[in-house]
Amino acid sequence: MKSKISITLTEDALRRIEAHVAEFKSRSDLVEAAVARFIAHLERRAIEQRDVEIINRLADKLNAEAEDVLGYQAPL
């Protein structure tokens, strides 16, 4: 199901949309694809940020474990 909305764009944004609209069925399809891709980017960024926060919170423990494991490694 699709909903109709109204948006206001700069002339530059509209010009850039028009330059690529032939690759899509319509301007609406182009805008929908762009929004979907941007939202996916924001969601990935949030997941990556959460992962970095977890790694930073556990950094001391992870580094200690890595040093312990390296202690079992045979000399080269």
PDB file of N, CA and C in Angstrom:
ATOM      1  N   MET A   1       0.841  -1.173   0.000  1.00  0.00           N
ATOM      2  CA  MET A   1       0.000   0.000   0.000  1.00  0.00           C
ATOM      3  C   MET A   1       0.889   1.239   0.000  1.00  0.00           C
ATOM      4  N   LYS A   2       0.561   2.166  -0.830  1.00  0.00           N
ATOM      5  CA  LYS A   2       1.333   3.398  -0.916  1.00  0.00           C
ATOM      6  C   LYS A   2       0.502   4.550  -0.384  1.00  0.00           C
ATOM      7  N   SER A   3       1.190   5.512   0.192  1.00  0.00           N
ATOM      8  CA  SER A   3       0.537   6.725   0.697  1.00  0.00           C
ATOM      9  C   SER A   3       1.073   7.911  -0.075  1.00  0.00           C
ATOM     10  N   LYS A   4       0.237   8.845  -0.326  1.00  0.00           N
ATOM     11  CA  LYS A   4       0.632  10.051  -1.035  1.00  0.00           C
ATOM     12  C   LYS A   4       1.078  11.092  -0.013  1.00  0.00           C
ATOM     13  N   ILE A   5       2.231  11.731  -0.291  1.00  0.00           N
ATOM     14  CA  ILE A   5       2.727  12.802   0.570  1.00  0.00           C
ATOM     15  C   ILE A   5       3.119  13.979  -0.311  1.00  0.00           C
ATOM     16  N   SER A   6       3.379  15.067   0.310  1.00  0.00           N
ATOM     17  CA  SER A   6       3.854  16.251  -0.396  1.00  0.00           C
ATOM     18  C   SER A   6       5.186  16.653   0.220  1.00  0.00           C
ATOM     19  N   ILE A   7       6.178  16.886  -0.637  1.00  0.00           N
ATOM     20  CA  ILE A   7       7.483  17.328  -0.141  1.00  0.00           C
ATOM     21  C   ILE A   7       7.918  18.571  -0.915  1.00  0.00           C
ATOM     22  N   THR A   8       8.785  19.326  -0.326  1.00  0.00           N
ATOM     23  CA  THR A   8       9.340  20.506  -0.962  1.00  0.00           C
ATOM     24  C   THR A   8      10.828  20.270  -1.163  1.00  0.00           C
ATOM     25  N   LEU A   9      11.284  20.451  -2.392  1.00  0.00           N
ATOM     26  CA  LEU A   9      12.683  20.226  -2.734  1.00  0.00           C
ATOM     27  C   LEU A   9      13.276  21.490  -3.346  1.00  0.00           C
ATOM     28  N   THR A  10      14.574  21.612  -3.224  1.00  0.00           N
ATOM     29  CA  THR A  10      15.256  22.719  -3.894  1.00  0.00           C
ATOM     30  C   THR A  10      15.252  22.460  -5.399  1.00  0.00           C
ATOM     31  N   GLU A  11      15.458  23.505  -6.157  1.00  0.00           N
ATOM     32  CA  GLU A  11      15.551  23.359  -7.620  1.00  0.00           C
ATOM     33  C   GLU A  11      16.701  22.428  -7.984  1.00  0.00           C
ATOM     34  N   ASP A  12      17.803  22.532  -7.246  1.00  0.00           N
ATOM     35  CA  ASP A  12      18.954  21.674  -7.512  1.00  0.00           C
ATOM     36  C   ASP A  12      18.605  20.204  -7.296  1.00  0.00           C
ATOM     37  N   ALA A  13      17.930  19.897  -6.200  1.00  0.00           N
ATOM     38  CA  ALA A  13      17.551  18.505  -5.932  1.00  0.00           C
ATOM     39  C   ALA A  13      16.619  17.989  -7.025  1.00  0.00           C
ATOM     40  N   LEU A  14      15.661  18.790  -7.421  1.00  0.00           N
ATOM     41  CA  LEU A  14      14.732  18.382  -8.466  1.00  0.00           C
ATOM     42  C   LEU A  14      15.458  18.184  -9.797  1.00  0.00           C
ATOM     43  N   ARG A  15      16.389  19.055 -10.112  1.00  0.00           N
ATOM     44  CA  ARG A  15      17.169  18.918 -11.339  1.00  0.00           C
ATOM     45  C   ARG A  15      17.966  17.614 -11.332  1.00  0.00           C
ATOM     46  N   ARG A  16      18.541  17.298 -10.187  1.00  0.00           N
ATOM     47  CA  ARG A  16      19.326  16.064 -10.074  1.00  0.00           C
ATOM     48  C   ARG A  16      18.430  14.831 -10.170  1.00  0.00           C
ATOM     49  N   ILE A  17      17.232  14.903  -9.610  1.00  0.00           N
ATOM     50  CA  ILE A  17      16.268  13.805  -9.735  1.00  0.00           C
ATOM     51  C   ILE A  17      15.909  13.616 -11.202  1.00  0.00           C
ATOM     52  N   GLU A  18      15.600  14.705 -11.876  1.00  0.00           N
ATOM     53  CA  GLU A  18      15.220  14.635 -13.293  1.00  0.00           C
ATOM     54  C   GLU A  18      16.329  14.038 -14.147  1.00  0.00           C
ATOM     55  N   ALA A  19      17.576  14.261 -13.768  1.00  0.00           N
ATOM     56  CA  ALA A  19      18.704  13.725 -14.529  1.00  0.00           C
ATOM     57  C   ALA A  19      18.768  12.203 -14.463  1.00  0.00           C
ATOM     58  N   HIS A  20      18.140  11.594 -13.446  1.00  0.00           N
ATOM     59  CA  HIS A  20      18.208  10.142 -13.268  1.00  0.00           C
ATOM     60  C   HIS A  20      16.861   9.449 -13.344  1.00  0.00           C
ATOM     61  N   VAL A  21      15.807  10.190 -13.551  1.00  0.00           N
ATOM     62  CA  VAL A  21      14.461   9.615 -13.496  1.00  0.00           C
ATOM     63  C   VAL A  21      14.245   8.554 -14.580  1.00  0.00           C
ATOM     64  N   ALA A  22      14.959   8.633 -15.697  1.00  0.00           N
ATOM     65  CA  ALA A  22      14.790   7.658 -16.773  1.00  0.00           C
ATOM     66  C   ALA A  22      15.176   6.245 -16.328  1.00  0.00           C
ATOM     67  N   GLU A  23      15.983   6.141 -15.282  1.00  0.00           N
ATOM     68  CA  GLU A  23      16.400   4.839 -14.775  1.00  0.00           C
ATOM     69  C   GLU A  23      15.308   4.192 -13.921  1.00  0.00           C
ATOM     70  N   PHE A  24      14.246   4.935 -13.628  1.00  0.00           N
ATOM     71  CA  PHE A  24      13.157   4.469 -12.773  1.00  0.00           C
ATOM     72  C   PHE A  24      11.838   4.651 -13.511  1.00  0.00           C
ATOM     73  N   LYS A  25      10.781   4.097 -12.930  1.00  0.00           N
ATOM     74  CA  LYS A  25       9.454   4.253 -13.532  1.00  0.00           C
ATOM     75  C   LYS A  25       8.950   5.685 -13.418  1.00  0.00           C
ATOM     76  N   SER A  26       9.312   6.356 -12.331  1.00  0.00           N
ATOM     77  CA  SER A  26       8.812   7.701 -12.074  1.00  0.00           C
ATOM     78  C   SER A  26       9.707   8.390 -11.057  1.00  0.00           C
ATOM     79  N   ARG A  27       9.453   9.686 -10.865  1.00  0.00           N
ATOM     80  CA  ARG A  27      10.182  10.398  -9.810  1.00  0.00           C
ATOM     81  C   ARG A  27       9.876   9.786  -8.453  1.00  0.00           C
ATOM     82  N   SER A  28       8.626   9.384  -8.250  1.00  0.00           N
ATOM     83  CA  SER A  28       8.241   8.772  -6.970  1.00  0.00           C
ATOM     84  C   SER A  28       9.057   7.517  -6.697  1.00  0.00           C
ATOM     85  N   ASP A  29       9.243   6.675  -7.720  1.00  0.00           N
ATOM     86  CA  ASP A  29      10.028   5.457  -7.535  1.00  0.00           C
ATOM     87  C   ASP A  29      11.488   5.782  -7.229  1.00  0.00           C
ATOM     88  N   LEU A  30      12.026   6.799  -7.899  1.00  0.00           N
ATOM     89  CA  LEU A  30      13.398   7.204  -7.624  1.00  0.00           C
ATOM     90  C   LEU A  30      13.530   7.691  -6.185  1.00  0.00           C
ATOM     91  N   VAL A  31      12.617   8.556  -5.758  1.00  0.00           N
ATOM     92  CA  VAL A  31      12.668   9.089  -4.390  1.00  0.00           C
ATOM     93  C   VAL A  31      12.483   7.963  -3.377  1.00  0.00           C
ATOM     94  N   GLU A  32      11.568   7.032  -3.639  1.00  0.00           N
ATOM     95  CA  GLU A  32      11.356   5.918  -2.718  1.00  0.00           C
ATOM     96  C   GLU A  32      12.607   5.051  -2.611  1.00  0.00           C
ATOM     97  N   ALA A  33      13.266   4.779  -3.744  1.00  0.00           N
ATOM     98  CA  ALA A  33      14.504   3.987  -3.728  1.00  0.00           C
ATOM     99  C   ALA A  33      15.601   4.717  -2.961  1.00  0.00           C
ATOM    100  N   ALA A  34      15.698   6.030  -3.173  1.00  0.00           N
ATOM    101  CA  ALA A  34      16.725   6.811  -2.476  1.00  0.00           C
ATOM    102  C   ALA A  34      16.473   6.834  -0.974  1.00  0.00           C
ATOM    103  N   VAL A  35      15.234   7.005  -0.588  1.00  0.00           N
ATOM    104  CA  VAL A  35      14.890   7.024   0.839  1.00  0.00           C
ATOM    105  C   VAL A  35      15.171   5.660   1.463  1.00  0.00           C
ATOM    106  N   ALA A  36      14.794   4.585   0.774  1.00  0.00           N
ATOM    107  CA  ALA A  36      15.038   3.238   1.307  1.00  0.00           C
ATOM    108  C   ALA A  36      16.531   3.001   1.503  1.00  0.00           C
ATOM    109  N   ARG A  37      17.325   3.420   0.529  1.00  0.00           N
ATOM    110  CA  ARG A  37      18.777   3.224   0.637  1.00  0.00           C
ATOM    111  C   ARG A  37      19.361   4.062   1.776  1.00  0.00           C
ATOM    112  N   PHE A  38      18.899   5.294   1.924  1.00  0.00           N
ATOM    113  CA  PHE A  38      19.396   6.165   2.986  1.00  0.00           C
ATOM    114  C   PHE A  38      18.999   5.632   4.360  1.00  0.00           C
ATOM    115  N   ILE A  39      17.779   5.158   4.505  1.00  0.00           N
ATOM    116  CA  ILE A  39      17.333   4.585   5.782  1.00  0.00           C
ATOM    117  C   ILE A  39      18.158   3.349   6.111  1.00  0.00           C
ATOM    118  N   ALA A  40      18.430   2.501   5.107  1.00  0.00           N
ATOM    119  CA  ALA A  40      19.280   1.325   5.334  1.00  0.00           C
ATOM    120  C   ALA A  40      20.666   1.755   5.807  1.00  0.00           C
ATOM    121  N   HIS A  41      21.199   2.821   5.223  1.00  0.00           N
ATOM    122  CA  HIS A  41      22.498   3.360   5.643  1.00  0.00           C
ATOM    123  C   HIS A  41      22.447   3.809   7.107  1.00  0.00           C
ATOM    124  N   LEU A  42      21.396   4.525   7.489  1.00  0.00           N
ATOM    125  CA  LEU A  42      21.258   4.977   8.878  1.00  0.00           C
ATOM    126  C   LEU A  42      21.158   3.797   9.835  1.00  0.00           C
ATOM    127  N   GLU A  43      20.425   2.765   9.439  1.00  0.00           N
ATOM    128  CA  GLU A  43      20.285   1.580  10.296  1.00  0.00           C
ATOM    129  C   GLU A  43      21.613   0.845  10.452  1.00  0.00           C
ATOM    130  N   ARG A  44      22.375   0.708   9.340  1.00  0.00           N
ATOM    131  CA  ARG A  44      23.702   0.076   9.428  1.00  0.00           C
ATOM    132  C   ARG A  44      24.628   0.889  10.317  1.00  0.00           C
ATOM    133  N   ARG A  45      24.577   2.215  10.167  1.00  0.00           N
ATOM    134  CA  ARG A  45      25.427   3.085  10.984  1.00  0.00           C
ATOM    135  C   ARG A  45      25.102   2.938  12.462  1.00  0.00           C
ATOM    136  N   ALA A  46      23.824   2.823  12.796  1.00  0.00           N
ATOM    137  CA  ALA A  46      23.426   2.650  14.199  1.00  0.00           C
ATOM    138  C   ALA A  46      23.942   1.321  14.742  1.00  0.00           C
ATOM    139  N   ILE A  47      23.864   0.265  13.932  1.00  0.00           N
ATOM    140  CA  ILE A  47      24.369  -1.047  14.366  1.00  0.00           C
ATOM    141  C   ILE A  47      25.881  -0.988  14.565  1.00  0.00           C
ATOM    142  N   GLU A  48      26.578  -0.367  13.618  1.00  0.00           N
ATOM    143  CA  GLU A  48      28.035  -0.248  13.741  1.00  0.00           C
ATOM    144  C   GLU A  48      28.425   0.568  14.965  1.00  0.00           C
ATOM    145  N   GLN A  49      27.685   1.628  15.226  1.00  0.00           N
ATOM    146  CA  GLN A  49      27.970   2.458  16.406  1.00  0.00           C
ATOM    147  C   GLN A  49      27.754   1.651  17.683  1.00  0.00           C
ATOM    148  N   ARG A  50      26.681   0.859  17.715  1.00  0.00           N
ATOM    149  CA  ARG A  50      26.421   0.015  18.884  1.00  0.00           C
ATOM    150  C   ARG A  50      27.551  -0.993  19.069  1.00  0.00           C
ATOM    151  N   ASP A  51      28.016  -1.591  17.960  1.00  0.00           N
ATOM    152  CA  ASP A  51      29.107  -2.562  18.043  1.00  0.00           C
ATOM    153  C   ASP A  51      30.392  -1.923  18.566  1.00  0.00           C
ATOM    154  N   VAL A  52      30.697  -0.721  18.098  1.00  0.00           N
ATOM    155  CA  VAL A  52      31.899  -0.013  18.569  1.00  0.00           C
ATOM    156  C   VAL A  52      31.789   0.275  20.061  1.00  0.00           C
ATOM    157  N   GLU A  53      30.607   0.673  20.507  1.00  0.00           N
ATOM    158  CA  GLU A  53      30.413   0.935  21.933  1.00  0.00           C
ATOM    159  C   GLU A  53      30.626  -0.336  22.756  1.00  0.00           C
ATOM    160  N   ILE A  54      30.154  -1.471  22.263  1.00  0.00           N
ATOM    161  CA  ILE A  54      30.347  -2.752  22.965  1.00  0.00           C
ATOM    162  C   ILE A  54      31.828  -3.096  23.011  1.00  0.00           C
ATOM    163  N   ILE A  55      32.510  -2.972  21.867  1.00  0.00           N
ATOM    164  CA  ILE A  55      33.944  -3.282  21.814  1.00  0.00           C
ATOM    165  C   ILE A  55      34.715  -2.363  22.756  1.00  0.00           C
ATOM    166  N   ASN A  56      34.411  -1.073  22.739  1.00  0.00           N
ATOM    167  CA  ASN A  56      35.108  -0.144  23.627  1.00  0.00           C
ATOM    168  C   ASN A  56      34.860  -0.461  25.095  1.00  0.00           C
ATOM    169  N   ARG A  57      33.624  -0.844  25.421  1.00  0.00           N
ATOM    170  CA  ARG A  57      33.295  -1.171  26.808  1.00  0.00           C
ATOM    171  C   ARG A  57      34.054  -2.416  27.273  1.00  0.00           C
ATOM    172  N   LEU A  58      34.273  -3.348  26.342  1.00  0.00           N
ATOM    173  CA  LEU A  58      34.921  -4.616  26.696  1.00  0.00           C
ATOM    174  C   LEU A  58      36.392  -4.665  26.282  1.00  0.00           C
ATOM    175  N   ALA A  59      36.953  -3.541  25.854  1.00  0.00           N
ATOM    176  CA  ALA A  59      38.309  -3.516  25.294  1.00  0.00           C
ATOM    177  C   ALA A  59      39.348  -4.090  26.245  1.00  0.00           C
ATOM    178  N   ASP A  60      39.326  -3.701  27.501  1.00  0.00           N
ATOM    179  CA  ASP A  60      40.341  -4.196  28.441  1.00  0.00           C
ATOM    180  C   ASP A  60      40.275  -5.713  28.561  1.00  0.00           C
ATOM    181  N   LYS A  61      39.085  -6.261  28.689  1.00  0.00           N
ATOM    182  CA  LYS A  61      38.925  -7.717  28.806  1.00  0.00           C
ATOM    183  C   LYS A  61      39.367  -8.409  27.517  1.00  0.00           C
ATOM    184  N   LEU A  62      38.969  -7.875  26.364  1.00  0.00           N
ATOM    185  CA  LEU A  62      39.344  -8.483  25.085  1.00  0.00           C
ATOM    186  C   LEU A  62      40.853  -8.429  24.874  1.00  0.00           C
ATOM    187  N   ASN A  63      41.476  -7.317  25.232  1.00  0.00           N
ATOM    188  CA  ASN A  63      42.928  -7.206  25.087  1.00  0.00           C
ATOM    189  C   ASN A  63      43.655  -8.172  26.017  1.00  0.00           C
ATOM    190  N   ALA A  64      43.160  -8.341  27.226  1.00  0.00           N
ATOM    191  CA  ALA A  64      43.776  -9.287  28.172  1.00  0.00           C
ATOM    192  C   ALA A  64      43.665 -10.706  27.643  1.00  0.00           C
ATOM    193  N   GLU A  65      42.520 -11.065  27.087  1.00  0.00           N
ATOM    194  CA  GLU A  65      42.342 -12.403  26.513  1.00  0.00           C
ATOM    195  C   GLU A  65      43.303 -12.610  25.342  1.00  0.00           C
ATOM    196  N   ALA A  66      43.453 -11.596  24.490  1.00  0.00           N
ATOM    197  CA  ALA A  66      44.355 -11.700  23.344  1.00  0.00           C
ATOM    198  C   ALA A  66      45.792 -11.882  23.807  1.00  0.00           C
ATOM    199  N   GLU A  67      46.204 -11.130  24.832  1.00  0.00           N
ATOM    200  CA  GLU A  67      47.559 -11.281  25.360  1.00  0.00           C
ATOM    201  C   GLU A  67      47.768 -12.674  25.954  1.00  0.00           C
ATOM    202  N   ASP A  68      46.749 -13.199  26.627  1.00  0.00           N
ATOM    203  CA  ASP A  68      46.837 -14.536  27.196  1.00  0.00           C
ATOM    204  C   ASP A  68      47.014 -15.577  26.093  1.00  0.00           C
ATOM    205  N   VAL A  69      46.226 -15.477  25.046  1.00  0.00           N
ATOM    206  CA  VAL A  69      46.331 -16.422  23.933  1.00  0.00           C
ATOM    207  C   VAL A  69      47.697 -16.334  23.281  1.00  0.00           C
ATOM    208  N   LEU A  70      48.201 -15.118  23.067  1.00  0.00           N
ATOM    209  CA  LEU A  70      49.514 -14.951  22.450  1.00  0.00           C
ATOM    210  C   LEU A  70      50.618 -15.549  23.321  1.00  0.00           C
ATOM    211  N   GLY A  71      50.406 -15.631  24.597  1.00  0.00           N
ATOM    212  CA  GLY A  71      51.386 -16.240  25.497  1.00  0.00           C
ATOM    213  C   GLY A  71      51.571 -17.723  25.248  1.00  0.00           C
ATOM    214  N   TYR A  72      50.593 -18.386  24.649  1.00  0.00           N
ATOM    215  CA  TYR A  72      50.681 -19.810  24.330  1.00  0.00           C
ATOM    216  C   TYR A  72      51.313 -20.055  22.974  1.00  0.00           C
ATOM    217  N   GLN A  73      51.543 -19.016  22.218  1.00  0.00           N
ATOM    218  CA  GLN A  73      52.092 -19.163  20.870  1.00  0.00           C
ATOM    219  C   GLN A  73      53.574 -19.516  20.954  1.00  0.00           C
ATOM    220  N   ALA A  74      53.984 -20.445  20.102  1.00  0.00           N
ATOM    221  CA  ALA A  74      55.391 -20.857  20.058  1.00  0.00           C
ATOM    222  C   ALA A  74      56.212 -19.728  19.439  1.00  0.00           C
ATOM    223  N   PRO A  75      57.427 -19.546  19.921  1.00  0.00           N
ATOM    224  CA  PRO A  75      58.298 -18.517  19.342  1.00  0.00           C
ATOM    225  C   PRO A  75      58.580 -18.818  17.859  1.00  0.00           C
ATOM    226  N   LEU A  76      58.698 -17.752  17.087  1.00  0.00           N
ATOM    227  CA  LEU A  76      58.962 -17.927  15.656  1.00  0.00           C
ATOM    228  C   LEU A  76      60.438 -17.948  15.380  1.00  0.00           C
TER     229      LEU A  76
END
